[in-house]
Amino acid sequence: QPGAIDRLLPPWENMQVERRTGGLHTGAEVVLVNRLGPLRLRWLAEHVAYQPPRLFEDVQRRGPFAHWDHQHRFSSEAGGGASLEDHVEYAVPGGWLGQAVAGGFVRRQLDRMFAYRHETTVADLSLHQRYREKGLMRVAITGCSGLVGSELKSLLTTGGHEVRAITRRRQNEGDIEWDIAAGRIDAEQLEGLDAVVHLAGENIAAGRWNAKQ
């Protein structure tokens, strides 16, 4: 589902999705950007296999590893459940020296990342299962690019819900433009929505609020 990759990026990694094309199908690409101070490191991954509902596979075409091949394997379990296995073959740059210097650190980081991804997957699927009888919804969100809004959007789209951003300037198809200064919004664009979540207020992390705020 759209939004899944955003949900699975660990919060301690300063990484964002810069571009994605084609979903999970063979030939689809995802570009991730990792910001390390002033540096912007890009990771280009290409999907090379798609066998729903059993498997999809991506490989690194450009990025931090000398080699990266990641298979996402799914299998049915007794009682109607399912299991997810991440099978990764990788090599750090620098050959044996790179492995000797950084191999242990990289392995620990990957173990931590995949533990987070699996915990998040279980929690999100449990949440969506709890409310599945309510059906899929069309939700508009203000402040969709903020910390809370972006996470909410990813959570909802991962569950199959349709999310539209209410924004000052349209950037993507489906965005609803809201001219705050003029007090104007296209009411027709709000037709058919099941809910509107308003998150475009003051930044709660910007410091202590004054009396006016």
N, C-alpha and C. Protein backbone atom coordinates (compact mmCIF):
# COMPACT_ATOMS: atom_id res chain seq x y z
N GLN A 1 0.83 -1.19 0.00
CA GLN A 1 0.00 0.00 0.00
C GLN A 1 0.88 1.25 0.00
N PRO A 2 0.40 2.33 -0.62
CA PRO A 2 1.13 3.60 -0.53
C PRO A 2 1.30 4.00 0.93
N GLY A 3 2.44 4.51 1.26
CA GLY A 3 2.70 4.94 2.62
C GLY A 3 3.44 3.92 3.46
N ALA A 4 3.48 2.66 3.01
CA ALA A 4 4.11 1.62 3.82
C ALA A 4 5.59 1.89 4.04
N ILE A 5 6.30 2.28 2.98
CA ILE A 5 7.73 2.52 3.14
C ILE A 5 8.00 3.67 4.09
N ASP A 6 7.15 4.69 4.06
CA ASP A 6 7.32 5.83 4.98
C ASP A 6 7.13 5.38 6.43
N ARG A 7 6.17 4.51 6.67
CA ARG A 7 5.92 4.02 8.02
C ARG A 7 7.08 3.19 8.54
N LEU A 8 7.81 2.54 7.64
CA LEU A 8 8.83 1.59 8.06
C LEU A 8 10.22 2.19 8.15
N LEU A 9 10.36 3.48 7.86
CA LEU A 9 11.66 4.14 8.03
C LEU A 9 11.86 4.46 9.51
N PRO A 10 12.92 3.96 10.14
CA PRO A 10 13.11 4.19 11.58
C PRO A 10 13.24 5.68 11.90
N PRO A 11 12.64 6.13 12.99
CA PRO A 11 12.68 7.56 13.32
C PRO A 11 14.07 8.06 13.65
N TRP A 12 14.98 7.17 14.05
CA TRP A 12 16.34 7.63 14.37
C TRP A 12 17.20 7.80 13.11
N GLU A 13 16.71 7.35 11.97
CA GLU A 13 17.41 7.56 10.72
C GLU A 13 16.84 8.80 10.04
N ASN A 14 17.68 9.75 9.72
CA ASN A 14 17.21 10.98 9.06
C ASN A 14 17.05 10.70 7.57
N MET A 15 16.08 9.87 7.25
CA MET A 15 15.90 9.39 5.88
C MET A 15 14.48 9.67 5.41
N GLN A 16 14.36 10.06 4.15
CA GLN A 16 13.06 10.36 3.56
C GLN A 16 12.97 9.77 2.16
N VAL A 17 11.74 9.53 1.73
CA VAL A 17 11.50 9.08 0.35
C VAL A 17 11.51 10.31 -0.54
N GLU A 18 12.44 10.36 -1.49
CA GLU A 18 12.51 11.49 -2.42
C GLU A 18 11.65 11.25 -3.65
N ARG A 19 11.63 9.99 -4.11
CA ARG A 19 10.87 9.69 -5.33
C ARG A 19 10.53 8.21 -5.34
N ARG A 20 9.35 7.89 -5.89
CA ARG A 20 8.98 6.48 -6.06
C ARG A 20 8.13 6.34 -7.31
N THR A 21 8.30 5.25 -8.02
CA THR A 21 7.53 5.01 -9.24
C THR A 21 7.15 3.54 -9.31
N GLY A 22 5.92 3.27 -9.74
CA GLY A 22 5.55 1.90 -10.09
C GLY A 22 5.16 0.98 -8.96
N GLY A 23 5.00 1.49 -7.74
CA GLY A 23 4.59 0.62 -6.65
C GLY A 23 5.61 -0.46 -6.35
N LEU A 24 5.16 -1.73 -6.32
CA LEU A 24 6.06 -2.85 -6.03
C LEU A 24 6.37 -3.67 -7.28
N HIS A 25 5.84 -3.29 -8.42
CA HIS A 25 6.00 -4.09 -9.63
C HIS A 25 7.45 -4.07 -10.12
N THR A 26 7.79 -5.09 -10.89
CA THR A 26 9.13 -5.18 -11.46
C THR A 26 9.44 -3.93 -12.28
N GLY A 27 10.61 -3.36 -12.02
CA GLY A 27 11.02 -2.13 -12.70
C GLY A 27 10.73 -0.87 -11.91
N ALA A 28 9.92 -0.97 -10.86
CA ALA A 28 9.63 0.20 -10.02
C ALA A 28 10.89 0.63 -9.29
N GLU A 29 10.99 1.92 -8.99
CA GLU A 29 12.17 2.46 -8.32
C GLU A 29 11.76 3.30 -7.12
N VAL A 30 12.65 3.31 -6.13
CA VAL A 30 12.49 4.17 -4.95
C VAL A 30 13.83 4.84 -4.70
N VAL A 31 13.79 6.15 -4.49
CA VAL A 31 14.99 6.90 -4.13
C VAL A 31 14.82 7.41 -2.71
N LEU A 32 15.73 6.98 -1.83
CA LEU A 32 15.75 7.45 -0.45
C LEU A 32 16.90 8.43 -0.27
N VAL A 33 16.68 9.43 0.56
CA VAL A 33 17.72 10.41 0.86
C VAL A 33 18.00 10.37 2.35
N ASN A 34 19.28 10.17 2.68
CA ASN A 34 19.72 10.18 4.08
C ASN A 34 20.55 11.43 4.30
N ARG A 35 20.12 12.27 5.23
CA ARG A 35 20.82 13.52 5.51
C ARG A 35 21.77 13.33 6.68
N LEU A 36 23.05 13.52 6.43
CA LEU A 36 24.08 13.45 7.46
C LEU A 36 24.75 14.81 7.52
N GLY A 37 24.22 15.68 8.39
CA GLY A 37 24.71 17.05 8.43
C GLY A 37 24.44 17.74 7.11
N PRO A 38 25.48 18.32 6.49
CA PRO A 38 25.28 18.99 5.21
C PRO A 38 25.22 18.03 4.03
N LEU A 39 25.51 16.75 4.26
CA LEU A 39 25.57 15.77 3.18
C LEU A 39 24.19 15.17 2.92
N ARG A 40 23.92 14.89 1.66
CA ARG A 40 22.69 14.21 1.24
C ARG A 40 23.09 12.95 0.48
N LEU A 41 22.90 11.80 1.11
CA LEU A 41 23.27 10.53 0.51
C LEU A 41 22.03 9.87 -0.07
N ARG A 42 22.09 9.52 -1.35
CA ARG A 42 20.94 8.92 -2.03
C ARG A 42 21.11 7.42 -2.19
N TRP A 43 19.99 6.73 -2.06
CA TRP A 43 19.96 5.28 -2.22
C TRP A 43 18.87 4.98 -3.25
N LEU A 44 19.28 4.43 -4.39
CA LEU A 44 18.35 4.05 -5.45
C LEU A 44 18.14 2.55 -5.41
N ALA A 45 16.89 2.14 -5.19
CA ALA A 45 16.54 0.72 -5.18
C ALA A 45 15.57 0.44 -6.32
N GLU A 46 15.76 -0.70 -6.96
CA GLU A 46 14.87 -1.13 -8.05
C GLU A 46 14.22 -2.46 -7.69
N HIS A 47 12.92 -2.56 -7.94
CA HIS A 47 12.22 -3.82 -7.72
C HIS A 47 12.47 -4.74 -8.92
N VAL A 48 12.95 -5.94 -8.63
CA VAL A 48 13.33 -6.86 -9.70
C VAL A 48 12.46 -8.12 -9.72
N ALA A 49 11.61 -8.31 -8.73
CA ALA A 49 10.70 -9.46 -8.71
C ALA A 49 9.44 -9.09 -7.95
N TYR A 50 8.31 -9.55 -8.48
CA TYR A 50 7.01 -9.27 -7.85
C TYR A 50 6.13 -10.48 -8.06
N GLN A 51 5.91 -11.26 -7.00
CA GLN A 51 5.12 -12.49 -7.08
C GLN A 51 4.05 -12.47 -5.97
N PRO A 52 3.02 -11.65 -6.13
CA PRO A 52 2.00 -11.55 -5.08
C PRO A 52 1.22 -12.86 -4.97
N PRO A 53 0.86 -13.29 -3.76
CA PRO A 53 1.11 -12.60 -2.48
C PRO A 53 2.31 -13.15 -1.74
N ARG A 54 3.26 -13.75 -2.46
CA ARG A 54 4.34 -14.48 -1.80
C ARG A 54 5.64 -13.70 -1.63
N LEU A 55 5.95 -12.82 -2.56
CA LEU A 55 7.30 -12.26 -2.54
C LEU A 55 7.39 -11.01 -3.39
N PHE A 56 8.22 -10.07 -2.95
CA PHE A 56 8.75 -9.05 -3.84
C PHE A 56 10.20 -8.79 -3.43
N GLU A 57 10.98 -8.32 -4.38
CA GLU A 57 12.43 -8.22 -4.19
C GLU A 57 12.95 -6.91 -4.75
N ASP A 58 13.85 -6.29 -4.01
CA ASP A 58 14.49 -5.07 -4.50
C ASP A 58 16.00 -5.18 -4.35
N VAL A 59 16.71 -4.54 -5.25
CA VAL A 59 18.17 -4.51 -5.21
C VAL A 59 18.64 -3.06 -5.25
N GLN A 60 19.80 -2.82 -4.67
CA GLN A 60 20.38 -1.48 -4.72
C GLN A 60 21.06 -1.27 -6.07
N ARG A 61 20.70 -0.19 -6.73
CA ARG A 61 21.39 0.21 -7.96
C ARG A 61 22.45 1.26 -7.69
N ARG A 62 22.22 2.05 -6.67
CA ARG A 62 23.20 3.06 -6.26
C ARG A 62 22.98 3.37 -4.80
N GLY A 63 24.05 3.39 -4.00
CA GLY A 63 23.85 3.66 -2.59
C GLY A 63 25.05 3.29 -1.75
N PRO A 64 24.83 3.12 -0.43
CA PRO A 64 25.95 2.97 0.50
C PRO A 64 26.59 1.59 0.53
N PHE A 65 25.91 0.56 0.02
CA PHE A 65 26.43 -0.79 0.09
C PHE A 65 27.14 -1.18 -1.21
N ALA A 66 28.10 -2.09 -1.07
CA ALA A 66 28.73 -2.65 -2.26
C ALA A 66 27.75 -3.58 -2.97
N HIS A 67 26.87 -4.20 -2.20
CA HIS A 67 25.86 -5.10 -2.76
C HIS A 67 24.68 -5.13 -1.79
N TRP A 68 23.47 -5.14 -2.34
CA TRP A 68 22.26 -5.23 -1.50
C TRP A 68 21.16 -5.90 -2.30
N ASP A 69 20.65 -7.01 -1.78
CA ASP A 69 19.54 -7.75 -2.39
C ASP A 69 18.58 -8.13 -1.27
N HIS A 70 17.35 -7.63 -1.35
CA HIS A 70 16.39 -7.77 -0.25
C HIS A 70 15.12 -8.43 -0.76
N GLN A 71 14.84 -9.62 -0.25
CA GLN A 71 13.60 -10.32 -0.56
C GLN A 71 12.64 -10.21 0.62
N HIS A 72 11.40 -9.81 0.33
CA HIS A 72 10.33 -9.74 1.33
C HIS A 72 9.46 -10.97 1.08
N ARG A 73 9.51 -11.94 1.98
CA ARG A 73 8.81 -13.21 1.77
C ARG A 73 7.61 -13.32 2.72
N PHE A 74 6.47 -13.75 2.17
CA PHE A 74 5.24 -13.87 2.94
C PHE A 74 4.73 -15.31 2.85
N SER A 75 4.21 -15.83 3.95
CA SER A 75 3.65 -17.18 3.94
C SER A 75 2.47 -17.24 4.90
N SER A 76 1.54 -18.13 4.60
CA SER A 76 0.35 -18.30 5.43
C SER A 76 0.68 -19.08 6.69
N GLU A 77 -0.04 -18.76 7.75
CA GLU A 77 0.12 -19.46 9.02
C GLU A 77 -1.22 -20.06 9.44
N ALA A 78 -1.17 -21.05 10.31
CA ALA A 78 -2.39 -21.66 10.83
C ALA A 78 -3.22 -20.61 11.57
N GLY A 79 -4.53 -20.72 11.45
CA GLY A 79 -5.41 -19.79 12.13
C GLY A 79 -5.69 -18.52 11.36
N GLY A 80 -5.27 -18.47 10.10
CA GLY A 80 -5.56 -17.31 9.27
C GLY A 80 -4.53 -16.21 9.33
N GLY A 81 -3.42 -16.44 10.03
CA GLY A 81 -2.38 -15.43 10.11
C GLY A 81 -1.38 -15.55 8.97
N ALA A 82 -0.33 -14.77 9.06
CA ALA A 82 0.72 -14.79 8.04
C ALA A 82 2.04 -14.43 8.69
N SER A 83 3.12 -14.82 8.05
CA SER A 83 4.46 -14.48 8.53
C SER A 83 5.19 -13.69 7.46
N LEU A 84 6.07 -12.83 7.89
CA LEU A 84 6.90 -12.01 7.01
C LEU A 84 8.36 -12.29 7.33
N GLU A 85 9.12 -12.64 6.31
CA GLU A 85 10.56 -12.86 6.47
C GLU A 85 11.31 -11.91 5.54
N ASP A 86 12.25 -11.17 6.10
CA ASP A 86 13.13 -10.32 5.30
C ASP A 86 14.44 -11.06 5.10
N HIS A 87 14.73 -11.43 3.86
CA HIS A 87 15.97 -12.12 3.53
C HIS A 87 16.87 -11.14 2.80
N VAL A 88 17.99 -10.79 3.41
CA VAL A 88 18.87 -9.76 2.87
C VAL A 88 20.26 -10.33 2.64
N GLU A 89 20.78 -10.14 1.44
CA GLU A 89 22.18 -10.41 1.14
C GLU A 89 22.85 -9.08 0.85
N TYR A 90 23.92 -8.77 1.57
CA TYR A 90 24.55 -7.46 1.41
C TYR A 90 26.06 -7.57 1.62
N ALA A 91 26.76 -6.55 1.18
CA ALA A 91 28.20 -6.44 1.41
C ALA A 91 28.53 -4.97 1.65
N VAL A 92 29.33 -4.71 2.67
CA VAL A 92 29.76 -3.33 2.93
C VAL A 92 30.88 -2.99 1.96
N PRO A 93 31.06 -1.72 1.64
CA PRO A 93 32.15 -1.33 0.73
C PRO A 93 33.51 -1.54 1.39
N GLY A 94 34.53 -1.71 0.58
CA GLY A 94 35.89 -1.83 1.10
C GLY A 94 36.37 -3.25 1.27
N GLY A 95 35.60 -4.23 0.78
CA GLY A 95 36.05 -5.61 0.85
C GLY A 95 36.23 -6.11 2.27
N TRP A 96 37.26 -6.95 2.47
CA TRP A 96 37.48 -7.54 3.79
C TRP A 96 37.83 -6.49 4.84
N LEU A 97 38.51 -5.42 4.41
CA LEU A 97 38.86 -4.37 5.36
C LEU A 97 37.60 -3.63 5.83
N GLY A 98 36.72 -3.32 4.88
CA GLY A 98 35.47 -2.67 5.26
C GLY A 98 34.64 -3.55 6.17
N GLN A 99 34.63 -4.86 5.90
CA GLN A 99 33.89 -5.79 6.75
C GLN A 99 34.49 -5.85 8.14
N ALA A 100 35.82 -5.85 8.22
CA ALA A 100 36.49 -5.92 9.52
C ALA A 100 36.25 -4.67 10.34
N VAL A 101 36.23 -3.51 9.69
CA VAL A 101 36.08 -2.24 10.40
C VAL A 101 34.63 -1.95 10.75
N ALA A 102 33.73 -2.15 9.78
CA ALA A 102 32.34 -1.69 9.94
C ALA A 102 31.31 -2.81 9.93
N GLY A 103 31.72 -4.04 9.67
CA GLY A 103 30.75 -5.12 9.52
C GLY A 103 29.86 -5.33 10.73
N GLY A 104 30.45 -5.34 11.92
CA GLY A 104 29.67 -5.55 13.13
C GLY A 104 28.69 -4.42 13.39
N PHE A 105 29.13 -3.19 13.18
CA PHE A 105 28.25 -2.04 13.38
C PHE A 105 27.07 -2.08 12.42
N VAL A 106 27.36 -2.37 11.15
CA VAL A 106 26.29 -2.42 10.14
C VAL A 106 25.28 -3.50 10.49
N ARG A 107 25.76 -4.67 10.91
CA ARG A 107 24.85 -5.77 11.27
C ARG A 107 23.94 -5.36 12.43
N ARG A 108 24.49 -4.72 13.43
CA ARG A 108 23.67 -4.29 14.57
C ARG A 108 22.63 -3.26 14.15
N GLN A 109 23.02 -2.34 13.27
CA GLN A 109 22.08 -1.33 12.78
C GLN A 109 20.95 -1.96 11.97
N LEU A 110 21.30 -2.95 11.15
CA LEU A 110 20.28 -3.63 10.36
C LEU A 110 19.34 -4.44 11.25
N ASP A 111 19.89 -5.12 12.25
CA ASP A 111 19.04 -5.87 13.18
C ASP A 111 18.06 -4.94 13.87
N ARG A 112 18.55 -3.78 14.30
CA ARG A 112 17.69 -2.81 14.98
C ARG A 112 16.61 -2.29 14.04
N MET A 113 17.00 -2.00 12.79
CA MET A 113 16.05 -1.47 11.82
C MET A 113 14.94 -2.48 11.52
N PHE A 114 15.32 -3.73 11.28
CA PHE A 114 14.30 -4.72 10.92
C PHE A 114 13.43 -5.09 12.12
N ALA A 115 13.97 -5.03 13.32
CA ALA A 115 13.13 -5.24 14.51
C ALA A 115 12.07 -4.15 14.59
N TYR A 116 12.47 -2.90 14.32
CA TYR A 116 11.51 -1.80 14.32
C TYR A 116 10.46 -1.99 13.23
N ARG A 117 10.89 -2.38 12.05
CA ARG A 117 9.95 -2.56 10.93
C ARG A 117 8.92 -3.63 11.25
N HIS A 118 9.35 -4.74 11.83
CA HIS A 118 8.41 -5.82 12.13
C HIS A 118 7.46 -5.42 13.26
N GLU A 119 7.96 -4.73 14.27
CA GLU A 119 7.08 -4.27 15.36
C GLU A 119 6.04 -3.29 14.83
N THR A 120 6.46 -2.38 13.95
CA THR A 120 5.54 -1.40 13.38
C THR A 120 4.50 -2.09 12.49
N THR A 121 4.94 -3.05 11.70
CA THR A 121 4.01 -3.78 10.83
C THR A 121 2.93 -4.49 11.64
N VAL A 122 3.33 -5.18 12.70
CA VAL A 122 2.36 -5.88 13.55
C VAL A 122 1.39 -4.90 14.20
N ALA A 123 1.92 -3.79 14.73
CA ALA A 123 1.07 -2.81 15.40
C ALA A 123 0.08 -2.17 14.43
N ASP A 124 0.55 -1.80 13.23
CA ASP A 124 -0.33 -1.16 12.26
C ASP A 124 -1.41 -2.11 11.76
N LEU A 125 -1.02 -3.34 11.44
CA LEU A 125 -2.01 -4.30 10.96
C LEU A 125 -3.05 -4.62 12.03
N SER A 126 -2.62 -4.68 13.28
CA SER A 126 -3.56 -4.91 14.38
C SER A 126 -4.56 -3.76 14.49
N LEU A 127 -4.06 -2.54 14.32
CA LEU A 127 -4.94 -1.37 14.39
C LEU A 127 -5.96 -1.37 13.25
N HIS A 128 -5.49 -1.63 12.04
CA HIS A 128 -6.41 -1.66 10.89
C HIS A 128 -7.43 -2.80 11.02
N GLN A 129 -6.99 -3.92 11.55
CA GLN A 129 -7.90 -5.05 11.75
C GLN A 129 -9.00 -4.70 12.74
N ARG A 130 -8.66 -3.93 13.76
CA ARG A 130 -9.62 -3.57 14.81
C ARG A 130 -10.78 -2.75 14.25
N TYR A 131 -10.49 -1.94 13.23
CA TYR A 131 -11.52 -1.03 12.70
C TYR A 131 -11.96 -1.39 11.28
N ARG A 132 -11.69 -2.58 10.83
CA ARG A 132 -11.96 -2.92 9.43
C ARG A 132 -13.44 -2.90 9.11
N GLU A 133 -14.32 -3.15 10.11
CA GLU A 133 -15.76 -3.17 9.84
C GLU A 133 -16.29 -1.78 9.50
N LYS A 134 -15.55 -0.75 9.82
CA LYS A 134 -15.98 0.61 9.49
C LYS A 134 -15.74 0.94 8.02
N GLY A 135 -14.97 0.10 7.33
CA GLY A 135 -14.73 0.31 5.91
C GLY A 135 -13.66 1.35 5.64
N LEU A 136 -13.32 1.50 4.37
CA LEU A 136 -12.30 2.47 3.97
C LEU A 136 -12.89 3.87 3.94
N MET A 137 -12.07 4.84 4.27
CA MET A 137 -12.54 6.22 4.40
C MET A 137 -11.74 7.15 3.49
N ARG A 138 -12.34 8.30 3.21
CA ARG A 138 -11.67 9.39 2.49
C ARG A 138 -11.43 10.50 3.51
N VAL A 139 -10.16 10.79 3.76
CA VAL A 139 -9.78 11.70 4.83
C VAL A 139 -8.93 12.83 4.26
N ALA A 140 -9.23 14.05 4.67
CA ALA A 140 -8.40 15.21 4.31
C ALA A 140 -7.64 15.65 5.56
N ILE A 141 -6.38 16.05 5.35
CA ILE A 141 -5.53 16.44 6.48
C ILE A 141 -4.87 17.77 6.18
N THR A 142 -4.98 18.73 7.11
CA THR A 142 -4.16 19.94 7.04
C THR A 142 -2.87 19.66 7.80
N GLY A 143 -1.80 20.34 7.41
CA GLY A 143 -0.51 20.08 8.05
C GLY A 143 0.03 18.71 7.70
N CYS A 144 -0.24 18.27 6.48
CA CYS A 144 0.10 16.90 6.06
C CYS A 144 1.60 16.68 5.96
N SER A 145 2.37 17.75 5.81
CA SER A 145 3.82 17.61 5.68
C SER A 145 4.54 17.70 7.02
N GLY A 146 3.81 17.97 8.09
CA GLY A 146 4.42 18.08 9.41
C GLY A 146 4.72 16.72 10.01
N LEU A 147 5.31 16.74 11.20
CA LEU A 147 5.72 15.50 11.87
C LEU A 147 4.53 14.58 12.11
N VAL A 148 3.47 15.10 12.71
CA VAL A 148 2.30 14.28 13.02
C VAL A 148 1.51 13.98 11.75
N GLY A 149 1.31 15.00 10.91
CA GLY A 149 0.51 14.83 9.70
C GLY A 149 1.09 13.81 8.74
N SER A 150 2.41 13.83 8.55
CA SER A 150 3.03 12.88 7.63
C SER A 150 2.91 11.45 8.14
N GLU A 151 3.05 11.27 9.47
CA GLU A 151 2.90 9.93 10.03
C GLU A 151 1.46 9.44 9.93
N LEU A 152 0.51 10.35 10.19
CA LEU A 152 -0.90 9.97 10.08
C LEU A 152 -1.26 9.60 8.65
N LYS A 153 -0.77 10.37 7.70
CA LYS A 153 -1.04 10.07 6.29
C LYS A 153 -0.51 8.69 5.92
N SER A 154 0.73 8.39 6.33
CA SER A 154 1.32 7.09 6.02
C SER A 154 0.54 5.96 6.67
N LEU A 155 0.13 6.16 7.92
CA LEU A 155 -0.65 5.13 8.62
C LEU A 155 -1.96 4.85 7.90
N LEU A 156 -2.67 5.91 7.50
CA LEU A 156 -3.97 5.73 6.86
C LEU A 156 -3.84 5.11 5.48
N THR A 157 -2.89 5.59 4.67
CA THR A 157 -2.76 5.04 3.32
C THR A 157 -2.26 3.60 3.35
N THR A 158 -1.46 3.25 4.35
CA THR A 158 -1.04 1.86 4.49
C THR A 158 -2.23 0.95 4.73
N GLY A 159 -3.26 1.48 5.39
CA GLY A 159 -4.47 0.71 5.63
C GLY A 159 -5.47 0.75 4.50
N GLY A 160 -5.13 1.41 3.39
CA GLY A 160 -6.01 1.45 2.23
C GLY A 160 -6.93 2.65 2.17
N HIS A 161 -6.85 3.55 3.15
CA HIS A 161 -7.69 4.74 3.14
C HIS A 161 -7.14 5.77 2.15
N GLU A 162 -8.02 6.59 1.61
CA GLU A 162 -7.62 7.67 0.70
C GLU A 162 -7.38 8.94 1.50
N VAL A 163 -6.22 9.55 1.30
CA VAL A 163 -5.87 10.77 2.03
C VAL A 163 -5.60 11.89 1.05
N ARG A 164 -6.20 13.05 1.32
CA ARG A 164 -5.97 14.24 0.51
C ARG A 164 -5.43 15.33 1.41
N ALA A 165 -4.42 16.02 0.93
CA ALA A 165 -3.81 17.09 1.71
C ALA A 165 -4.53 18.41 1.45
N ILE A 166 -4.85 19.13 2.52
CA ILE A 166 -5.35 20.50 2.41
C ILE A 166 -4.15 21.41 2.62
N THR A 167 -3.80 22.18 1.60
CA THR A 167 -2.54 22.90 1.62
C THR A 167 -2.67 24.28 1.01
N ARG A 168 -1.73 25.15 1.34
CA ARG A 168 -1.76 26.51 0.80
C ARG A 168 -1.48 26.53 -0.70
N ARG A 169 -0.71 25.56 -1.17
CA ARG A 169 -0.35 25.53 -2.58
C ARG A 169 -0.36 24.08 -3.06
N ARG A 170 -1.11 23.82 -4.11
CA ARG A 170 -1.22 22.46 -4.63
C ARG A 170 0.12 22.00 -5.17
N GLN A 171 0.56 20.84 -4.68
CA GLN A 171 1.81 20.26 -5.15
C GLN A 171 1.59 18.91 -5.83
N ASN A 172 0.53 18.23 -5.45
CA ASN A 172 0.24 16.92 -6.00
C ASN A 172 -1.22 16.84 -6.44
N GLU A 173 -1.48 15.96 -7.39
CA GLU A 173 -2.85 15.75 -7.83
C GLU A 173 -3.70 15.29 -6.65
N GLY A 174 -4.85 15.89 -6.49
CA GLY A 174 -5.72 15.54 -5.38
C GLY A 174 -5.62 16.47 -4.19
N ASP A 175 -4.57 17.31 -4.16
CA ASP A 175 -4.45 18.29 -3.07
C ASP A 175 -5.61 19.28 -3.12
N ILE A 176 -6.05 19.72 -1.96
CA ILE A 176 -7.12 20.72 -1.85
C ILE A 176 -6.48 22.04 -1.42
N GLU A 177 -6.60 23.06 -2.27
CA GLU A 177 -5.94 24.33 -1.98
C GLU A 177 -6.79 25.17 -1.02
N TRP A 178 -6.10 25.74 -0.03
CA TRP A 178 -6.76 26.55 1.00
C TRP A 178 -6.02 27.88 1.11
N ASP A 179 -6.67 28.94 0.68
CA ASP A 179 -6.10 30.28 0.77
C ASP A 179 -6.49 30.87 2.12
N ILE A 180 -5.60 30.73 3.09
CA ILE A 180 -5.92 31.14 4.46
C ILE A 180 -6.09 32.65 4.55
N ALA A 181 -5.22 33.39 3.87
CA ALA A 181 -5.27 34.86 3.94
C ALA A 181 -6.60 35.39 3.42
N ALA A 182 -7.09 34.78 2.34
CA ALA A 182 -8.36 35.23 1.76
C ALA A 182 -9.57 34.53 2.37
N GLY A 183 -9.31 33.53 3.22
CA GLY A 183 -10.42 32.79 3.82
C GLY A 183 -11.21 32.02 2.79
N ARG A 184 -10.49 31.41 1.82
CA ARG A 184 -11.19 30.76 0.71
C ARG A 184 -10.69 29.32 0.54
N ILE A 185 -11.64 28.42 0.32
CA ILE A 185 -11.34 27.03 0.03
C ILE A 185 -12.41 26.51 -0.93
N ASP A 186 -12.03 25.62 -1.81
CA ASP A 186 -12.97 25.06 -2.78
C ASP A 186 -13.85 24.04 -2.07
N ALA A 187 -15.07 24.43 -1.73
CA ALA A 187 -15.97 23.57 -0.96
C ALA A 187 -16.31 22.29 -1.72
N GLU A 188 -16.34 22.35 -3.05
CA GLU A 188 -16.67 21.16 -3.83
C GLU A 188 -15.64 20.06 -3.61
N GLN A 189 -14.38 20.47 -3.34
CA GLN A 189 -13.33 19.48 -3.12
C GLN A 189 -13.51 18.74 -1.79
N LEU A 190 -14.35 19.29 -0.93
CA LEU A 190 -14.60 18.65 0.37
C LEU A 190 -15.76 17.67 0.33
N GLU A 191 -16.49 17.67 -0.80
CA GLU A 191 -17.63 16.75 -0.93
C GLU A 191 -17.13 15.30 -0.92
N GLY A 192 -17.86 14.47 -0.22
CA GLY A 192 -17.54 13.05 -0.21
C GLY A 192 -16.51 12.64 0.83
N LEU A 193 -15.96 13.60 1.57
CA LEU A 193 -15.00 13.25 2.61
C LEU A 193 -15.71 12.66 3.82
N ASP A 194 -15.06 11.72 4.46
CA ASP A 194 -15.60 11.14 5.69
C ASP A 194 -15.08 11.87 6.93
N ALA A 195 -13.91 12.48 6.81
CA ALA A 195 -13.33 13.16 7.97
C ALA A 195 -12.31 14.19 7.51
N VAL A 196 -12.14 15.23 8.32
CA VAL A 196 -11.09 16.22 8.11
C VAL A 196 -10.31 16.32 9.42
N VAL A 197 -8.99 16.17 9.33
CA VAL A 197 -8.12 16.27 10.50
C VAL A 197 -7.31 17.56 10.37
N HIS A 198 -7.49 18.46 11.32
CA HIS A 198 -6.83 19.78 11.24
C HIS A 198 -5.58 19.77 12.11
N LEU A 199 -4.42 19.81 11.46
CA LEU A 199 -3.13 19.79 12.16
C LEU A 199 -2.26 20.98 11.80
N ALA A 200 -2.84 21.97 11.11
CA ALA A 200 -2.04 23.09 10.61
C ALA A 200 -2.05 24.27 11.58
N GLY A 201 -1.95 23.99 12.86
CA GLY A 201 -1.89 25.05 13.85
C GLY A 201 -0.46 25.45 14.15
N GLU A 202 -0.26 26.04 15.32
CA GLU A 202 1.08 26.44 15.74
C GLU A 202 1.95 25.21 15.96
N ASN A 203 3.22 25.37 15.70
CA ASN A 203 4.18 24.29 15.91
C ASN A 203 4.41 24.11 17.41
N ILE A 204 3.99 22.96 17.95
CA ILE A 204 4.10 22.75 19.39
C ILE A 204 5.55 22.52 19.83
N ALA A 205 6.44 22.28 18.87
CA ALA A 205 7.85 22.04 19.22
C ALA A 205 8.70 23.29 19.06
N ALA A 206 8.08 24.42 18.74
CA ALA A 206 8.85 25.64 18.46
C ALA A 206 9.24 26.41 19.71
N GLY A 207 8.78 25.97 20.88
CA GLY A 207 9.11 26.67 22.12
C GLY A 207 7.85 26.99 22.90
N ARG A 208 8.02 27.69 23.99
CA ARG A 208 6.88 28.04 24.84
C ARG A 208 5.96 29.01 24.12
N TRP A 209 4.68 28.78 24.24
CA TRP A 209 3.70 29.67 23.62
C TRP A 209 3.52 30.93 24.47
N ASN A 210 3.21 32.02 23.79
CA ASN A 210 2.90 33.25 24.51
C ASN A 210 1.39 33.32 24.75
N ALA A 211 0.95 34.38 25.42
CA ALA A 211 -0.47 34.51 25.77
C ALA A 211 -1.36 34.58 24.54
N LYS A 212 -0.88 35.22 23.47
CA LYS A 212 -1.67 35.35 22.25
C LYS A 212 -1.88 34.00 21.59
N GLN A 213 -0.84 33.18 21.58
CA GLN A 213 -0.97 31.87 20.97
C GLN A 213 -1.93 30.98 21.75
